[in-house]
C-alpha atoms as a PDB file:
ATOM      1  CA  UNK A   1     112.876 -18.726 -24.124  1.00  0.00           C
ATOM      2  CA  UNK A   2     109.769 -18.577 -21.955  1.00  0.00           C
ATOM      3  CA  UNK A   3     109.309 -14.886 -19.853  1.00  0.00           C
ATOM      4  CA  UNK A   4     107.026 -13.771 -17.375  1.00  0.00           C
ATOM      5  CA  UNK A   5     105.193 -10.358 -16.516  1.00  0.00           C
ATOM      6  CA  UNK A   6     103.756  -9.525 -13.127  1.00  0.00           C
ATOM      7  CA  UNK A   7     100.105  -9.129 -14.446  1.00  0.00           C
ATOM      8  CA  UNK A   8     100.367 -10.495 -17.630  1.00  0.00           C
ATOM      9  CA  UNK A   9     101.394  -9.279 -21.133  1.00  0.00           C
ATOM     10  CA  UNK A  10     100.071  -6.841 -24.059  1.00  0.00           C
ATOM     11  CA  UNK A  11     102.726  -7.373 -26.769  1.00  0.00           C
ATOM     12  CA  UNK A  12     105.995  -8.254 -27.670  1.00  0.00           C
ATOM     13  CA  UNK A  13     108.061  -6.737 -30.635  1.00  0.00           C
ATOM     14  CA  UNK A  14     110.901  -7.508 -32.453  1.00  0.00           C
ATOM     15  CA  UNK A  15     114.050  -4.520 -32.671  1.00  0.00           C
ATOM     16  CA  UNK A  16     114.863  -2.986 -36.157  1.00  0.00           C
ATOM     17  CA  UNK A  17     117.939  -5.118 -35.468  1.00  0.00           C
ATOM     18  CA  UNK A  18     116.491  -8.552 -34.959  1.00  0.00           C
ATOM     19  CA  UNK A  19     118.927  -8.754 -31.588  1.00  0.00           C
ATOM     20  CA  UNK A  20     116.354  -7.598 -28.797  1.00  0.00           C
ATOM     21  CA  UNK A  21     112.715  -8.199 -27.592  1.00  0.00           C
ATOM     22  CA  UNK A  22     110.246  -5.445 -26.413  1.00  0.00           C
ATOM     23  CA  UNK A  23     107.893  -6.890 -24.242  1.00  0.00           C
ATOM     24  CA  UNK A  24     104.557  -4.464 -22.844  1.00  0.00           C
ATOM     25  CA  UNK A  25     102.505  -5.733 -19.794  1.00  0.00           C
ATOM     26  CA  UNK A  26      99.943  -4.341 -17.377  1.00  0.00           C
ATOM     27  CA  UNK A  27     100.340  -0.927 -15.766  1.00  0.00           C
ATOM     28  CA  UNK A  28     103.782   0.132 -17.317  1.00  0.00           C
ATOM     29  CA  UNK A  29     105.843  -2.734 -17.132  1.00  0.00           C
ATOM     30  CA  UNK A  30     108.157  -2.931 -19.948  1.00  0.00           C
ATOM     31  CA  UNK A  31     110.844  -5.238 -20.697  1.00  0.00           C
ATOM     32  CA  UNK A  32     113.687  -5.339 -22.849  1.00  0.00           C
ATOM     33  CA  UNK A  33     115.751  -8.700 -23.593  1.00  0.00           C
ATOM     34  CA  UNK A  34     118.362  -9.955 -25.723  1.00  0.00           C
ATOM     35  CA  UNK A  35     116.638 -13.234 -28.186  1.00  0.00           C
ATOM     36  CA  UNK A  36     118.531 -15.520 -26.125  1.00  0.00           C
ATOM     37  CA  UNK A  37     115.754 -14.177 -23.422  1.00  0.00           C
ATOM     38  CA  UNK A  38     118.569 -12.310 -20.881  1.00  0.00           C
ATOM     39  CA  UNK A  39     116.824  -9.358 -19.304  1.00  0.00           C
ATOM     40  CA  UNK A  40     118.827  -6.045 -20.570  1.00  0.00           C
ATOM     41  CA  UNK A  41     116.525  -3.400 -19.621  1.00  0.00           C
ATOM     42  CA  UNK A  42     113.666  -2.535 -17.115  1.00  0.00           C
ATOM     43  CA  UNK A  43     112.560   0.531 -18.426  1.00  0.00           C
ATOM     44  CA  UNK A  44     111.345   2.876 -15.257  1.00  0.00           C
ATOM     45  CA  UNK A  45     108.307   3.536 -15.918  1.00  0.00           C
ATOM     46  CA  UNK A  46     106.069   4.790 -12.797  1.00  0.00           C
ATOM     47  CA  UNK A  47     103.218   2.367 -11.885  1.00  0.00           C
ATOM     48  CA  UNK A  48      99.564   3.785 -11.829  1.00  0.00           C
ATOM     49  CA  UNK A  49      98.263   0.388  -9.669  1.00  0.00           C
ATOM     50  CA  UNK A  50      95.447   0.242 -12.188  1.00  0.00           C
ATOM     51  CA  UNK A  51      95.004  -3.718 -13.647  1.00  0.00           C
ATOM     52  CA  UNK A  52      93.471  -1.901 -16.877  1.00  0.00           C
ATOM     53  CA  UNK A  53      96.639  -0.057 -17.272  1.00  0.00           C
ATOM     54  CA  UNK A  54      97.327  -1.950 -21.012  1.00  0.00           C
ATOM     55  CA  UNK A  55     101.049  -0.517 -21.728  1.00  0.00           C
ATOM     56  CA  UNK A  56     102.764  -0.400 -25.701  1.00  0.00           C
ATOM     57  CA  UNK A  57     105.967   0.073 -26.530  1.00  0.00           C
ATOM     58  CA  UNK A  58     107.590   0.392 -29.822  1.00  0.00           C
ATOM     59  CA  UNK A  59     111.526   1.252 -30.862  1.00  0.00           C
ATOM     60  CA  UNK A  60     111.626   4.746 -32.452  1.00  0.00           C
ATOM     61  CA  UNK A  61     114.974   6.163 -34.167  1.00  0.00           C
ATOM     62  CA  UNK A  62     116.139   2.677 -35.159  1.00  0.00           C
ATOM     63  CA  UNK A  63     116.274   1.104 -32.228  1.00  0.00           C
ATOM     64  CA  UNK A  64     118.001   3.498 -29.956  1.00  0.00           C
ATOM     65  CA  UNK A  65     114.716   5.222 -28.569  1.00  0.00           C
ATOM     66  CA  UNK A  66     111.668   3.158 -27.071  1.00  0.00           C
ATOM     67  CA  UNK A  67     108.526   5.166 -26.450  1.00  0.00           C
ATOM     68  CA  UNK A  68     106.053   3.887 -24.001  1.00  0.00           C
ATOM     69  CA  UNK A  69     102.286   5.030 -23.796  1.00  0.00           C
ATOM     70  CA  UNK A  70      99.648   3.022 -21.699  1.00  0.00           C
ATOM     71  CA  UNK A  71      95.721   3.300 -21.293  1.00  0.00           C
ATOM     72  CA  UNK A  72      95.708   4.980 -17.967  1.00  0.00           C
ATOM     73  CA  UNK A  73      98.044   7.618 -18.791  1.00  0.00           C
ATOM     74  CA  UNK A  74      98.315  10.909 -20.856  1.00  0.00           C
ATOM     75  CA  UNK A  75     101.973  10.460 -20.941  1.00  0.00           C
ATOM     76  CA  UNK A  76     104.190   9.259 -23.740  1.00  0.00           C
ATOM     77  CA  UNK A  77     107.901   8.275 -22.328  1.00  0.00           C
ATOM     78  CA  UNK A  78     111.040   8.388 -24.413  1.00  0.00           C
ATOM     79  CA  UNK A  79     113.624   5.676 -22.901  1.00  0.00           C
ATOM     80  CA  UNK A  80     117.303   5.500 -24.280  1.00  0.00           C
ATOM     81  CA  UNK A  81     117.384   1.951 -25.518  1.00  0.00           C
ATOM     82  CA  UNK A  82     120.660   0.774 -24.920  1.00  0.00           C
ATOM     83  CA  UNK A  83     120.666   2.146 -21.305  1.00  0.00           C
ATOM     84  CA  UNK A  84     117.170   1.839 -20.179  1.00  0.00           C
ATOM     85  CA  UNK A  85     117.463   5.761 -19.036  1.00  0.00           C
ATOM     86  CA  UNK A  86     114.954   8.485 -19.101  1.00  0.00           C
ATOM     87  CA  UNK A  87     115.074  10.708 -22.151  1.00  0.00           C
ATOM     88  CA  UNK A  88     112.274  13.078 -21.987  1.00  0.00           C
ATOM     89  CA  UNK A  89     108.654  12.923 -22.066  1.00  0.00           C
ATOM     90  CA  UNK A  90     105.718  14.120 -23.874  1.00  0.00           C
ATOM     91  CA  UNK A  91     101.995  15.437 -22.392  1.00  0.00           C
ATOM     92  CA  UNK A  92      98.825  14.832 -24.479  1.00  0.00           C
ATOM     93  CA  UNK A  93      97.179  17.985 -24.140  1.00  0.00           C
ATOM     94  CA  UNK A  94      94.693  18.755 -27.436  1.00  0.00           C
ATOM     95  CA  UNK A  95      92.809  22.373 -27.480  1.00  0.00           C
ATOM     96  CA  UNK A  96      90.710  23.578 -24.859  1.00  0.00           C
ATOM     97  CA  UNK A  97      89.920  20.151 -22.973  1.00  0.00           C
ATOM     98  CA  UNK A  98      88.888  19.218 -26.765  1.00  0.00           C
ATOM     99  CA  UNK A  99      89.964  15.424 -26.018  1.00  0.00           C
ATOM    100  CA  UNK A 100      89.594  13.671 -22.824  1.00  0.00           C
ATOM    101  CA  UNK A 101      92.189  10.614 -23.951  1.00  0.00           C
ATOM    102  CA  UNK A 102      91.490   7.749 -22.540  1.00  0.00           C
ATOM    103  CA  UNK A 103      93.804   5.126 -24.112  1.00  0.00           C
ATOM    104  CA  UNK A 104      96.741   5.019 -26.363  1.00  0.00           C
ATOM    105  CA  UNK A 105      95.943   1.598 -28.896  1.00  0.00           C
ATOM    106  CA  UNK A 106      99.329   1.969 -30.717  1.00  0.00           C
ATOM    107  CA  UNK A 107     102.695   3.748 -30.769  1.00  0.00           C
ATOM    108  CA  UNK A 108     104.646   4.070 -33.978  1.00  0.00           C
ATOM    109  CA  UNK A 109     107.760   5.729 -34.860  1.00  0.00           C
ATOM    110  CA  UNK A 110     108.446   7.139 -38.373  1.00  0.00           C
ATOM    111  CA  UNK A 111     110.762   5.297 -39.951  1.00  0.00           C
ATOM    112  CA  UNK A 112     111.964   8.495 -41.951  1.00  0.00           C
ATOM    113  CA  UNK A 113     111.496  11.049 -39.201  1.00  0.00           C
ATOM    114  CA  UNK A 114     113.717  10.651 -35.673  1.00  0.00           C
ATOM    115  CA  UNK A 115     111.760  11.449 -32.398  1.00  0.00           C
ATOM    116  CA  UNK A 116     108.268  11.111 -34.855  1.00  0.00           C
ATOM    117  CA  UNK A 117     105.409   9.747 -33.569  1.00  0.00           C
ATOM    118  CA  UNK A 118     102.226   8.851 -34.761  1.00  0.00           C
ATOM    119  CA  UNK A 119      99.587   7.829 -31.783  1.00  0.00           C
ATOM    120  CA  UNK A 120      95.912   5.814 -32.197  1.00  0.00           C
ATOM    121  CA  UNK A 121      94.219   7.444 -29.036  1.00  0.00           C
ATOM    122  CA  UNK A 122      91.001   6.205 -27.966  1.00  0.00           C
ATOM    123  CA  UNK A 123      89.150   9.570 -26.155  1.00  0.00           C
ATOM    124  CA  UNK A 124      85.622  10.960 -25.321  1.00  0.00           C
ATOM    125  CA  UNK A 125      84.422  14.495 -27.434  1.00  0.00           C
ATOM    126  CA  UNK A 126      83.868  16.346 -23.735  1.00  0.00           C
ATOM    127  CA  UNK A 127      81.748  18.736 -25.910  1.00  0.00           C
ATOM    128  CA  UNK A 128      79.287  15.974 -27.360  1.00  0.00           C
ATOM    129  CA  UNK A 129      80.359  12.977 -24.188  1.00  0.00           C
ATOM    130  CA  UNK A 130      81.015  10.757 -27.692  1.00  0.00           C
ATOM    131  CA  UNK A 131      83.754   8.291 -27.614  1.00  0.00           C
ATOM    132  CA  UNK A 132      86.125   8.249 -30.746  1.00  0.00           C
ATOM    133  CA  UNK A 133      89.258   7.353 -32.115  1.00  0.00           C
ATOM    134  CA  UNK A 134      92.062   9.837 -33.859  1.00  0.00           C
ATOM    135  CA  UNK A 135      95.511   9.356 -34.755  1.00  0.00           C
ATOM    136  CA  UNK A 136      98.018  12.331 -33.983  1.00  0.00           C
ATOM    137  CA  UNK A 137     101.621  12.532 -35.005  1.00  0.00           C
ATOM    138  CA  UNK A 138     104.150  13.792 -32.177  1.00  0.00           C
ATOM    139  CA  UNK A 139     107.287  16.104 -33.068  1.00  0.00           C
ATOM    140  CA  UNK A 140     109.581  15.522 -30.269  1.00  0.00           C
ATOM    141  CA  UNK A 141     112.052  17.434 -31.218  1.00  0.00           C
ATOM    142  CA  UNK A 142     109.716  20.301 -31.759  1.00  0.00           C
ATOM    143  CA  UNK A 143     107.871  19.626 -28.575  1.00  0.00           C
ATOM    144  CA  UNK A 144     111.239  20.574 -26.836  1.00  0.00           C
ATOM    145  CA  UNK A 145     112.499  23.085 -29.185  1.00  0.00           C
ATOM    146  CA  UNK A 146     115.313  20.965 -30.826  1.00  0.00           C
END
């Protein structure tokens, strides 16, 4: 099958059970399809109206949730993969303005710990104005007091 996005696809991945495809496109357009091409979910992520807001999405918690992050925001959102409904989000703030995130390059769910996500981010260090990258872990369970 062939499916198009409104502004260009960034990536496509299979669900852990290989029954679904998750398609990420520009400006927070994320869709989930069955393997025969039927649209199951259009995740309601807010648009930023930026041509370079490249969005990434990945399955977490054995495919029960979808994590979505993009270049144009400092928020990572979780959605229920079955219903497409918003679950929770996490605003990335690292210290006293030590980092100004400018792009999430990759997100990965921890296969051994529910609600833990590894994030590769590209940022400007405001103290030195040097562009760099950093890998961090976000524990959604801790961030919400669970």
